[in-house]
Amino acid sequence: MDFRESITVNNRKTKLVVCSYIVIMIVIGLLADISIRPLSEVGLLHDMQLYITFAETPYITLGIFSLTLIGIFIISKFGHKLMLSGSTYRELVPDSTLSYEDRRVVNMVEEMAISANLGYTPKVFIMETEQMNAFAAGWSKNNALVAVTSGLLSKLTRSEVQAVIAHEVGHILHGDSKLTLYVGILANVILTITNVFTRVFFFSRSQNKSANKARMILLVLNFVLPIVTQVLYLYLSRTREYMADAASVRLTGDNQAMISALQKISGDYDVHENYKKDEQSYTEKYRAAAYIFSKGDSIFSTHPSIENRLKKLRGE
């Protein structure tokens, strides 16, 4: 299997998902503009065309994009910090005195960062829990981090830990944390705006047919979009997991280590019911979407099923 080709294919899928969100956002904005300020009696599509070509300024559409940019800016500054909140962890600082085990973890992160040509080494954290898992956050020297659990370090071999770390460095390399945060903002803005305008227009009617059609479509979308945006977001998340698995193989040159690590992590999850209960807190749910492993078997899962991931890694 050509893992570089796998990354290329999944990148195309990612672009398709992001473009879908942008198109949905534009449509919602234009429908809201027409609902409040219809431009003609010709029809809904004609009014959309007038707004798209800026024959008239689509104020609401531009306002939605402005709110989105503000949200993206805030998330870019503080979003990665949520990943460690609500957990017990310690940072491994390379310049400090580290134990042999801690130094080994730092060395592996440094090695994988060099292999990936990141140009910097992400910060390294150990989360104190028996759960076998790991995650990455950030996308630059200022905010990138790799966190692994103490349970994972104690139960995997060195080559398996290295494969897991390579997977997480792959997430940073591909900008997955940035992408999922941005898409999350897009989804929330879309749903919030649709809900607000549906409530505003629910009991009102206009003399203009285009405005009434736009309001009716917004009402329908208010029920449909929560499902559509969630499915798109989760599809994106699963796609990025496949990419990170492929990156792990590319960086380590070994698919067997990643296969073995996923099998052990999956088996460990199945015998510890308390892991599932831990995911009830908000911060843990937020973090669970970034973990290297989470149960996945449907379009509403953040991760692909372990069976599908292993098939991809084996080239089946």
Foldseek 3Di string as FASTA:
>chain_A
DPLVVLLVVLVVLLVVLVVVLVVLLLLLLQLLQCLVPNDDQPAQVVSSVCCVVPVDPSVSSVVLVVVLVVQLVVCLVCVLVLLCPPFDKDWDDVVDDDDPLSNLLQVLQVLLCVLLVQVEGATEMETEDLAFWKFWADQHNVRTYIYTYPNNSVPADSLLSSLRSQLRVLCNSVVVRSSLSSLVSSLVSSLVSLVVLLVVPVPDDDPHPSSRVSSVVSVVCNVVSVVVSLLSSLVSLASSLLSSLSSSCVSSVDLVSNLVSLVVSVVVPVVDPVVVVVCPDPSNVVNVLRINDDDDDDSNHNHHHSVVSNCVSVVD
